[in-house]
Amino acid sequence: MAGATFAQTLARPGWVGSGMSSQAWWRSAVIYRVQPQSFQDSDGDGVGDLRGLAERLDYLQSIGVDAILIESHTEDSGFDDLLSDASRDHIRILVPLEDDTATHTITPAQVVAQAHSWLRRGVAGIYIPSSLLSSIAARTSFEQTVSLVQQLRSLADSFPGERVVIAEESPAVDAASSDSARTGPEIIDGIVDTSVWDAASVRSKLVLADSPPEGEPLLQAARDLQKDRSHDPILAALLLASRGAVGLAYGEEIGLSDTSRDPIMSWTPTNVTPPHKEVTEAKPKQEIYGAYHPYVRPAPNSVIESRPRLPSVTLNTESAPPPVDPNTLPGFSTRAEPAASAREKMVNVAVEDDNPDSLLNFYRRVLELQSGNATLRRGSVSFLNHDDEGALVWLRRAPAGARTVASVIVVCNMTNHPINISLAADLAHLRVAASILHPLLTSRHVDHVSQPVSSVRVSANSVYIAELRYR
């Protein structure tokens, strides 16, 4: 009955989606996609595991993660502990349904049984890969595949705590939702391919990903194996275009890139966990005080030609805590390979966490803004065409009846030079009355100023997010 106990924790009072809130938890959730084998190794064997993932829940909470999608799960003993620990931290666990990797002969009945087992165990939702549906359709029929999707939705609805069904867009998923929105998945996975880096291409893909035929979108950018680091702030800002949930691939928040699909998460420059040291009680430090120098108020300039020379005072900084060596913090494993280049040594959680201007802290501010601003959570999305100027621009209109929040404009300069654009005609066409943009968040300090809607300047490869105001 352990699984039933874990399941009940999902519906406890205080959780969004428990029945104590008017909005389901998944509608504006941050879903973190992780490969446990590449995320955190808890036992030093060089392979990540679920116990390691559980050890990093505090970190995920610091980003603002609502749910973890475990993309490749293993039946190890750490799963139940992960469910329990994540529940206490108000983080939900999602799992994908899997085909038989060797024979690809799983039947619809076996898929339903697999989903029932996971839901009873306590996961907050299931993910249906399109490859699984294609495999079943090839061996049975399209109609049976559509019926399977509907059965999975009904099964999830039968459990407490607003369990969610997520699926990639496919003909079977569209057909399952055609009769009623309650028969298909709640969320459709929409990945934005940013390999072609220009405003027109990214805008068209954003529009498609943000407007699935059925269900609510799960917006995320595809991992770019050879990405340009100057694109990172814009990739973070793309999350604010979603009218539904947002997806974040592990390591994306620190700019992790690799030649493989599943790079090792980078926690410290060496990414090696140092051996545990016994902590001995330190002797109390003896305070040493210098000579007392009384303060002498300087005479006015009108009395003497120059101010008197006062004794210099040197601050004693010995009592200040020394800076933390990032390599003394836990890394991935005792067998992890250290970063090869100076640039790679800067792309890790320990270094970026200590830098207020890092990509990691920019992601934190973006996700905090997304979760705390009603317009960005529930407002409609209108994409504006400034392709010729190299700008990706969209409007999030304040929800109907909102009196305490304003509409929000996001401008992403995708060029290598500053741009200056006018939004006056766009806003007039959309019947949005505003004359001033008041910044909420920018990726460069120089841009953090109020600007008229008729002339908005944005630095190269940067993001400008602002509220629309009259004055």
Protein backbone atom coordinates (compact mmCIF):
# COMPACT_ATOMS: atom_id res chain seq x y z
CA MET A 1 0.00 0.00 0.00
CA ALA A 2 3.04 2.29 -0.08
CA GLY A 3 2.14 3.46 -3.56
CA ALA A 4 -1.35 4.45 -2.47
CA THR A 5 0.11 6.47 0.38
CA PHE A 6 2.42 8.38 -1.96
CA ALA A 7 -0.48 9.00 -4.34
CA GLN A 8 -2.54 10.64 -1.62
CA THR A 9 0.18 13.19 -0.88
CA LEU A 10 -0.43 14.70 -4.32
CA ALA A 11 -3.92 15.80 -3.29
CA ARG A 12 -3.12 17.23 0.11
CA PRO A 13 -4.32 20.80 0.90
CA GLY A 14 -1.95 23.54 -0.14
CA TRP A 15 -0.84 22.03 -3.41
CA VAL A 16 -1.95 23.74 -6.60
CA GLY A 17 -4.32 21.32 -8.27
CA SER A 18 -5.39 19.73 -4.99
CA GLY A 19 -8.85 21.27 -5.25
CA MET A 20 -7.80 24.21 -3.06
CA SER A 21 -6.97 26.37 -6.09
CA SER A 22 -9.01 27.42 -9.12
CA GLN A 23 -6.16 26.72 -11.55
CA ALA A 24 -4.76 23.26 -12.23
CA TRP A 25 -1.10 22.95 -11.26
CA TRP A 26 0.02 21.91 -14.73
CA ARG A 27 -1.36 24.93 -16.62
CA SER A 28 1.65 27.12 -15.85
CA ALA A 29 4.08 24.57 -14.44
CA VAL A 30 7.83 24.45 -15.01
CA ILE A 31 8.62 20.87 -16.05
CA TYR A 32 12.29 19.86 -15.84
CA ARG A 33 13.30 17.04 -18.18
CA VAL A 34 16.16 14.95 -16.84
CA GLN A 35 18.16 11.85 -17.71
CA PRO A 36 19.07 10.46 -14.25
CA GLN A 37 22.08 8.58 -15.63
CA SER A 38 23.67 11.90 -16.62
CA PHE A 39 22.44 14.14 -13.81
CA GLN A 40 23.89 13.08 -10.44
CA ASP A 41 25.78 10.02 -9.26
CA SER A 42 25.16 9.21 -5.59
CA ASP A 43 27.50 6.23 -5.15
CA GLY A 44 30.60 7.07 -7.19
CA ASP A 45 30.21 4.41 -9.86
CA GLY A 46 30.25 7.00 -12.64
CA VAL A 47 26.56 6.60 -13.55
CA GLY A 48 23.80 8.91 -12.33
CA ASP A 49 20.91 7.44 -10.40
CA LEU A 50 17.60 8.35 -8.80
CA ARG A 51 19.14 8.77 -5.34
CA GLY A 52 21.43 11.35 -6.90
CA LEU A 53 18.43 13.14 -8.41
CA ALA A 54 16.81 13.21 -4.96
CA GLU A 55 19.97 14.84 -3.57
CA ARG A 56 19.50 17.75 -5.99
CA LEU A 57 15.87 18.60 -5.21
CA ASP A 58 16.92 21.75 -3.32
CA TYR A 59 18.70 22.97 -6.44
CA LEU A 60 15.65 22.30 -8.61
CA GLN A 61 13.49 24.11 -6.10
CA SER A 62 15.82 27.12 -6.32
CA ILE A 63 15.12 27.33 -10.06
CA GLY A 64 11.37 27.13 -9.62
CA VAL A 65 10.73 23.59 -10.90
CA ASP A 66 7.20 22.26 -10.32
CA ALA A 67 7.63 18.79 -11.82
CA ILE A 68 10.39 16.49 -13.02
CA LEU A 69 9.93 14.38 -16.14
CA ILE A 70 12.28 11.41 -15.74
CA GLU A 71 12.97 10.67 -19.39
CA SER A 72 14.71 7.35 -18.86
CA HIS A 73 13.71 5.77 -15.57
CA THR A 74 15.14 2.67 -13.99
CA GLU A 75 13.52 0.33 -11.52
CA ASP A 76 16.02 0.93 -8.77
CA SER A 77 15.41 1.21 -5.07
CA GLY A 78 15.67 4.98 -5.14
CA PHE A 79 12.35 5.63 -6.89
CA ASP A 80 10.08 5.44 -3.87
CA ASP A 81 12.49 7.60 -1.87
CA LEU A 82 12.51 10.13 -4.71
CA LEU A 83 8.69 10.23 -4.76
CA SER A 84 8.58 10.80 -1.01
CA ASP A 85 11.31 13.47 -0.96
CA ALA A 86 9.88 15.28 -3.98
CA SER A 87 6.40 15.29 -2.43
CA ARG A 88 7.74 17.02 0.67
CA ASP A 89 9.39 19.64 -1.56
CA HIS A 90 6.16 20.17 -3.55
CA ILE A 91 7.79 18.80 -6.71
CA ARG A 92 5.86 16.26 -8.75
CA ILE A 93 7.35 13.30 -10.62
CA LEU A 94 6.30 12.41 -14.17
CA VAL A 95 7.37 9.32 -16.15
CA PRO A 96 7.19 8.31 -19.82
CA LEU A 97 5.49 5.11 -20.88
CA GLU A 98 7.97 2.75 -22.50
CA ASP A 99 7.82 0.19 -25.27
CA ASP A 100 9.70 -3.10 -25.05
CA THR A 101 13.09 -1.88 -26.27
CA ALA A 102 14.14 -5.29 -27.59
CA THR A 103 11.05 -6.59 -29.36
CA HIS A 104 8.69 -3.57 -29.66
CA THR A 105 5.75 -5.91 -29.06
CA ILE A 106 3.97 -4.17 -26.19
CA THR A 107 0.17 -4.32 -26.48
CA PRO A 108 -2.36 -1.58 -25.65
CA ALA A 109 -3.46 -3.59 -22.59
CA GLN A 110 0.14 -3.76 -21.37
CA VAL A 111 0.55 0.01 -21.84
CA VAL A 112 -2.56 0.66 -19.73
CA ALA A 113 -1.28 -1.74 -17.06
CA GLN A 114 2.08 0.05 -17.06
CA ALA A 115 0.38 3.43 -16.66
CA HIS A 116 -1.85 2.11 -13.86
CA SER A 117 1.19 0.79 -11.99
CA TRP A 118 3.00 4.15 -12.16
CA LEU A 119 -0.07 6.19 -11.19
CA ARG A 120 -0.84 3.89 -8.27
CA ARG A 121 2.78 4.19 -7.19
CA GLY A 122 2.33 7.95 -6.92
CA VAL A 123 3.59 9.70 -10.04
CA ALA A 124 1.78 12.91 -10.92
CA GLY A 125 1.40 12.12 -14.58
CA ILE A 126 2.44 10.10 -17.59
CA TYR A 127 4.11 11.06 -20.86
CA ILE A 128 3.11 9.29 -24.09
CA PRO A 129 5.95 9.34 -26.68
CA SER A 130 4.83 9.43 -30.30
CA SER A 131 7.23 6.54 -31.00
CA LEU A 132 5.19 4.32 -28.67
CA LEU A 133 1.93 5.19 -30.44
CA SER A 134 3.53 4.65 -33.86
CA SER A 135 4.79 1.22 -32.78
CA ILE A 136 1.34 0.16 -31.56
CA ALA A 137 -0.43 1.57 -34.62
CA ALA A 138 1.89 -0.40 -36.90
CA ARG A 139 0.98 -3.67 -35.16
CA THR A 140 -2.71 -3.07 -34.43
CA SER A 141 -4.74 -0.28 -36.01
CA PHE A 142 -5.13 3.48 -35.91
CA GLU A 143 -8.49 3.13 -34.17
CA GLN A 144 -7.01 1.01 -31.37
CA THR A 145 -4.22 3.55 -30.91
CA VAL A 146 -6.76 6.38 -30.59
CA SER A 147 -8.71 4.29 -28.08
CA LEU A 148 -5.51 3.71 -26.08
CA VAL A 149 -4.91 7.46 -25.73
CA GLN A 150 -8.47 7.92 -24.50
CA GLN A 151 -8.13 5.03 -22.03
CA LEU A 152 -4.95 6.55 -20.61
CA ARG A 153 -6.69 9.89 -20.08
CA SER A 154 -9.64 8.23 -18.33
CA LEU A 155 -7.24 6.24 -16.16
CA ALA A 156 -5.34 9.35 -15.07
CA ASP A 157 -8.61 11.14 -14.27
CA SER A 158 -9.60 8.27 -11.96
CA PHE A 159 -6.72 9.05 -9.58
CA PRO A 160 -6.70 11.96 -7.09
CA GLY A 161 -4.45 15.01 -7.30
CA GLU A 162 -5.07 16.15 -10.89
CA ARG A 163 -2.81 13.63 -12.62
CA VAL A 164 -1.77 14.86 -16.03
CA VAL A 165 -1.32 13.20 -19.43
CA ILE A 166 1.31 14.71 -21.73
CA ALA A 167 1.82 13.59 -25.33
CA GLU A 168 3.71 14.57 -28.40
CA GLU A 169 1.48 15.82 -31.21
CA SER A 170 0.42 13.02 -33.58
CA PRO A 171 -2.63 12.03 -35.66
CA ALA A 172 -3.74 9.58 -32.94
CA VAL A 173 -3.53 12.26 -30.25
CA ASP A 174 -5.48 14.74 -32.40
CA ALA A 175 -8.14 12.14 -33.14
CA ALA A 176 -8.46 11.18 -29.47
CA SER A 177 -9.33 14.79 -28.63
CA SER A 178 -11.64 15.44 -31.56
CA ASP A 179 -14.84 14.36 -29.79
CA SER A 180 -14.12 16.08 -26.48
CA ALA A 181 -11.21 17.90 -24.88
CA ARG A 182 -11.66 15.57 -21.90
CA THR A 183 -10.70 12.50 -23.95
CA GLY A 184 -7.24 13.59 -25.08
CA PRO A 185 -4.06 14.66 -23.26
CA GLU A 186 -4.15 17.84 -21.23
CA ILE A 187 -0.71 18.94 -22.50
CA ILE A 188 0.84 18.70 -25.98
CA ASP A 189 4.62 18.71 -26.10
CA GLY A 190 5.79 21.45 -28.46
CA ILE A 191 9.53 21.70 -29.09
CA VAL A 192 10.85 24.84 -30.81
CA ASP A 193 13.73 24.06 -33.17
CA THR A 194 16.16 26.99 -32.95
CA SER A 195 18.88 25.53 -35.20
CA VAL A 196 17.94 28.16 -37.81
CA TRP A 197 18.64 31.34 -35.87
CA ASP A 198 16.62 34.16 -37.36
CA ALA A 199 13.54 36.00 -36.19
CA ALA A 200 11.21 34.75 -38.94
CA SER A 201 12.06 31.06 -38.45
CA VAL A 202 11.89 31.08 -34.66
CA ARG A 203 8.68 33.14 -34.66
CA SER A 204 6.88 30.73 -37.00
CA LYS A 205 7.93 27.74 -34.88
CA LEU A 206 6.88 29.50 -31.68
CA VAL A 207 3.42 30.15 -33.13
CA LEU A 208 2.99 26.47 -34.03
CA ALA A 209 4.31 25.16 -30.69
CA ASP A 210 2.16 27.58 -28.71
CA SER A 211 -1.07 26.73 -30.55
CA PRO A 212 -1.52 22.95 -30.73
CA PRO A 213 -4.77 21.75 -32.34
CA GLU A 214 -5.81 20.14 -29.05
CA GLY A 215 -4.73 20.55 -25.43
CA GLU A 216 -2.49 23.10 -23.75
CA PRO A 217 1.09 23.63 -24.93
CA LEU A 218 4.30 22.55 -23.22
CA LEU A 219 6.79 24.97 -24.75
CA GLN A 220 10.50 24.24 -24.80
CA ALA A 221 13.52 24.82 -27.01
CA ALA A 222 15.32 21.87 -28.57
CA ARG A 223 18.80 21.25 -27.16
CA ASP A 224 21.32 22.70 -29.60
CA LEU A 225 24.40 20.50 -29.63
CA GLN A 226 26.66 23.25 -30.99
CA LYS A 227 24.89 26.32 -29.72
CA ASP A 228 26.20 29.86 -29.67
CA ARG A 229 26.36 31.05 -26.05
CA SER A 230 25.12 34.51 -27.10
CA HIS A 231 21.74 32.89 -27.81
CA ASP A 232 21.27 31.69 -24.22
CA PRO A 233 19.34 34.67 -22.78
CA ILE A 234 16.91 34.59 -25.72
CA LEU A 235 16.33 30.85 -25.26
CA ALA A 236 15.44 31.61 -21.64
CA ALA A 237 13.04 34.36 -22.70
CA LEU A 238 11.24 32.02 -25.12
CA LEU A 239 9.69 30.34 -22.09
CA LEU A 240 7.71 33.52 -21.47
CA ALA A 241 5.91 33.06 -24.79
CA SER A 242 4.06 29.99 -23.56
CA ARG A 243 0.40 30.31 -22.62
CA GLY A 244 0.73 26.94 -20.88
CA ALA A 245 3.47 24.95 -19.16
CA VAL A 246 7.16 25.40 -19.95
CA GLY A 247 9.76 22.68 -20.36
CA LEU A 248 13.41 22.93 -19.46
CA ALA A 249 16.01 20.33 -20.41
CA TYR A 250 18.51 19.63 -17.63
CA GLY A 251 21.62 21.80 -17.94
CA GLU A 252 19.91 24.28 -20.25
CA GLU A 253 19.77 26.75 -17.37
CA ILE A 254 23.59 26.88 -17.16
CA GLY A 255 24.23 26.83 -20.91
CA LEU A 256 25.39 23.22 -20.94
CA SER A 257 26.24 22.03 -24.43
CA ASP A 258 27.85 18.86 -25.63
CA THR A 259 28.31 16.73 -28.70
CA SER A 260 25.92 14.15 -27.24
CA ARG A 261 22.19 14.22 -26.59
CA ASP A 262 22.69 13.42 -22.91
CA PRO A 263 25.65 15.46 -21.64
CA ILE A 264 26.85 15.03 -18.08
CA MET A 265 25.38 17.72 -15.81
CA SER A 266 28.14 20.09 -14.70
CA TRP A 267 28.07 20.99 -11.00
CA THR A 268 31.65 22.23 -10.39
CA PRO A 269 34.69 23.00 -12.61
CA THR A 270 36.15 19.52 -12.11
CA ASN A 271 32.72 17.92 -11.55
CA VAL A 272 34.30 15.50 -9.07
CA THR A 273 32.83 15.03 -5.60
CA PRO A 274 35.62 15.54 -3.03
CA PRO A 275 36.11 12.84 -0.39
CA HIS A 276 34.26 13.37 2.86
CA LYS A 277 36.37 14.95 5.61
CA GLU A 278 35.78 14.61 9.30
CA VAL A 279 34.84 17.99 10.75
CA THR A 280 36.78 18.87 13.90
CA GLU A 281 35.58 21.54 16.25
CA ALA A 282 37.60 24.70 15.66
CA LYS A 283 39.07 26.59 18.58
CA PRO A 284 37.44 29.96 19.21
CA LYS A 285 39.40 32.69 17.48
CA GLN A 286 41.02 35.31 19.72
CA GLU A 287 39.96 38.79 18.77
CA ILE A 288 42.79 41.30 18.33
CA TYR A 289 41.86 44.95 18.45
CA GLY A 290 44.01 47.80 17.09
CA ALA A 291 44.73 51.14 18.69
CA TYR A 292 41.79 53.47 19.28
CA HIS A 293 41.72 56.59 17.06
CA PRO A 294 39.07 59.16 18.04
CA TYR A 295 37.04 60.71 15.27
CA VAL A 296 37.95 64.34 14.59
CA ARG A 297 35.28 66.37 12.77
CA PRO A 298 36.93 68.23 9.88
CA ALA A 299 36.84 72.01 9.96
CA PRO A 300 34.80 73.81 7.29
CA ASN A 301 36.63 74.76 4.09
CA SER A 302 35.96 78.40 4.90
CA VAL A 303 38.12 78.15 8.05
CA ILE A 304 41.14 76.31 6.69
CA GLU A 305 42.49 75.86 3.23
CA SER A 306 42.48 72.06 3.38
CA ARG A 307 40.95 69.37 5.53
CA PRO A 308 43.11 67.92 8.32
CA ARG A 309 44.84 64.63 7.64
CA LEU A 310 43.07 61.91 9.62
CA PRO A 311 44.64 58.65 10.69
CA SER A 312 43.99 55.89 8.16
CA VAL A 313 41.87 52.98 9.33
CA THR A 314 42.46 49.51 7.87
CA LEU A 315 39.55 47.14 8.13
CA ASN A 316 40.40 43.76 9.58
CA THR A 317 39.02 41.25 7.10
CA GLU A 318 40.47 38.17 8.76
CA SER A 319 37.11 37.39 10.35
CA ALA A 320 35.29 37.47 6.97
CA PRO A 321 34.57 34.01 5.58
CA PRO A 322 36.97 33.07 2.79
CA PRO A 323 35.49 32.59 -0.69
CA VAL A 324 34.27 29.06 -1.30
CA ASP A 325 36.36 26.99 -3.69
CA PRO A 326 33.74 25.59 -6.10
CA ASN A 327 35.69 22.34 -6.40
CA THR A 328 35.09 21.61 -2.71
CA LEU A 329 31.37 21.29 -3.46
CA PRO A 330 29.74 18.03 -4.61
CA GLY A 331 30.16 17.31 -8.31
CA PHE A 332 28.63 14.65 -10.50
CA SER A 333 30.74 11.72 -9.36
CA THR A 334 34.12 10.62 -8.05
CA ARG A 335 34.79 9.37 -11.58
CA ALA A 336 33.63 12.34 -13.63
CA GLU A 337 35.91 13.83 -16.27
CA PRO A 338 37.07 17.39 -15.51
CA ALA A 339 36.23 20.23 -17.88
CA ALA A 340 38.67 20.40 -20.77
CA SER A 341 38.78 24.15 -21.45
CA ALA A 342 38.72 27.38 -19.51
CA ARG A 343 35.30 28.18 -21.00
CA GLU A 344 33.86 24.84 -19.89
CA LYS A 345 35.17 25.43 -16.36
CA MET A 346 32.86 28.45 -16.14
CA VAL A 347 29.76 26.52 -17.27
CA ASN A 348 28.69 24.84 -14.04
CA VAL A 349 26.27 25.40 -11.20
CA ALA A 350 28.85 26.30 -8.51
CA VAL A 351 30.47 29.11 -10.51
CA GLU A 352 27.25 30.49 -11.98
CA ASP A 353 25.38 30.34 -8.68
CA ASP A 354 27.93 32.77 -7.22
CA ASN A 355 27.67 35.20 -10.15
CA PRO A 356 24.53 37.40 -10.06
CA ASP A 357 24.88 38.08 -13.81
CA SER A 358 25.19 34.42 -14.81
CA LEU A 359 22.85 32.55 -17.13
CA LEU A 360 21.68 30.39 -14.22
CA ASN A 361 20.54 33.42 -12.24
CA PHE A 362 18.94 34.93 -15.35
CA TYR A 363 16.90 31.72 -15.76
CA ARG A 364 15.90 31.98 -12.12
CA ARG A 365 14.66 35.54 -12.66
CA VAL A 366 12.82 34.55 -15.85
CA LEU A 367 11.05 31.64 -14.17
CA GLU A 368 10.28 33.70 -11.07
CA LEU A 369 8.73 36.35 -13.33
CA GLN A 370 6.77 33.68 -15.21
CA SER A 371 5.34 32.21 -12.02
CA GLY A 372 4.68 35.51 -10.24
CA ASN A 373 3.16 37.60 -13.02
CA ALA A 374 -0.51 36.90 -13.79
CA THR A 375 -0.18 38.26 -17.32
CA LEU A 376 2.66 35.86 -18.14
CA ARG A 377 0.75 32.96 -16.57
CA ARG A 378 -2.68 33.49 -18.07
CA GLY A 379 -2.55 36.28 -20.62
CA SER A 380 -3.11 35.70 -24.33
CA VAL A 381 -0.14 35.75 -26.73
CA SER A 382 0.21 37.86 -29.87
CA PHE A 383 3.40 37.55 -31.94
CA LEU A 384 4.48 40.75 -33.70
CA ASN A 385 6.29 40.75 -37.02
CA HIS A 386 9.63 42.54 -36.75
CA ASP A 387 11.52 39.90 -38.69
CA ASP A 388 13.20 42.41 -41.02
CA GLU A 389 14.74 44.16 -38.03
CA GLY A 390 16.00 40.90 -36.55
CA ALA A 391 13.71 41.16 -33.53
CA LEU A 392 11.52 38.44 -32.05
CA VAL A 393 8.66 40.27 -30.34
CA TRP A 394 5.45 39.20 -28.63
CA LEU A 395 2.73 40.73 -26.48
CA ARG A 396 1.22 39.03 -23.44
CA ARG A 397 -2.09 40.79 -22.87
CA ALA A 398 -3.31 41.19 -19.29
CA PRO A 399 -6.13 38.74 -18.41
CA ALA A 400 -9.67 40.03 -18.85
CA GLY A 401 -10.85 41.91 -15.80
CA ALA A 402 -7.35 42.25 -14.33
CA ARG A 403 -6.89 45.55 -12.52
CA THR A 404 -3.56 45.09 -10.77
CA VAL A 405 -1.44 43.79 -13.65
CA ALA A 406 -0.47 45.26 -17.01
CA SER A 407 0.18 43.77 -20.42
CA VAL A 408 3.79 42.73 -21.08
CA ILE A 409 6.02 43.09 -24.14
CA VAL A 410 9.04 40.84 -24.77
CA VAL A 411 11.64 42.00 -27.30
CA CYS A 412 14.51 39.69 -28.24
CA ASN A 413 17.26 41.15 -30.38
CA MET A 414 18.57 38.19 -32.39
CA THR A 415 21.24 40.20 -34.20
CA ASN A 416 24.85 41.04 -33.35
CA HIS A 417 24.18 44.78 -33.27
CA PRO A 418 21.83 47.12 -31.35
CA ILE A 419 18.39 47.68 -32.85
CA ASN A 420 15.76 50.39 -32.48
CA ILE A 421 12.16 49.46 -33.23
CA SER A 422 8.76 51.11 -32.94
CA LEU A 423 5.85 49.23 -31.39
CA ALA A 424 3.33 52.07 -31.76
CA ALA A 425 1.65 50.72 -34.91
CA ASP A 426 1.48 47.18 -33.52
CA LEU A 427 -0.18 48.30 -30.31
CA ALA A 428 -2.61 50.57 -32.16
CA HIS A 429 -3.59 47.64 -34.41
CA LEU A 430 -4.15 45.45 -31.32
CA ARG A 431 -6.06 48.29 -29.61
CA VAL A 432 -3.67 48.38 -26.68
CA ALA A 433 -3.29 51.88 -25.26
CA ALA A 434 0.20 52.55 -23.91
CA SER A 435 2.99 55.07 -24.35
CA ILE A 436 5.78 53.84 -22.06
CA LEU A 437 7.55 50.55 -21.51
CA HIS A 438 8.58 50.02 -17.89
CA PRO A 439 11.28 47.29 -17.68
CA LEU A 440 10.64 44.16 -15.63
CA LEU A 441 13.73 42.18 -16.64
CA THR A 442 16.60 42.68 -19.09
CA SER A 443 19.61 40.55 -19.91
CA ARG A 444 21.89 43.62 -20.00
CA HIS A 445 21.98 46.33 -17.36
CA VAL A 446 22.36 49.09 -19.95
CA ASP A 447 18.89 48.27 -21.33
CA HIS A 448 17.12 48.43 -17.98
CA VAL A 449 15.45 51.80 -18.58
CA SER A 450 11.93 52.97 -19.39
CA GLN A 451 11.42 53.66 -23.09
CA PRO A 452 8.66 55.11 -25.29
CA VAL A 453 6.77 52.53 -27.38
CA SER A 454 7.68 54.56 -30.48
CA SER A 455 11.41 53.98 -30.03
CA VAL A 456 12.64 50.86 -28.23
CA ARG A 457 16.39 50.28 -28.20
CA VAL A 458 17.74 46.82 -27.39
CA SER A 459 21.40 45.77 -27.27
CA ALA A 460 22.84 43.00 -29.44
CA ASN A 461 21.79 39.43 -28.56
CA SER A 462 19.74 40.57 -25.59
CA VAL A 463 16.29 40.52 -24.06
CA TYR A 464 14.03 43.39 -22.97
CA ILE A 465 10.88 42.52 -20.98
CA ALA A 466 8.62 45.39 -19.95
CA GLU A 467 5.13 46.34 -18.78
CA LEU A 468 2.99 48.61 -20.95
CA ARG A 469 1.98 51.79 -19.15
CA TYR A 470 0.43 55.13 -20.00
CA ARG A 471 3.12 57.14 -18.22
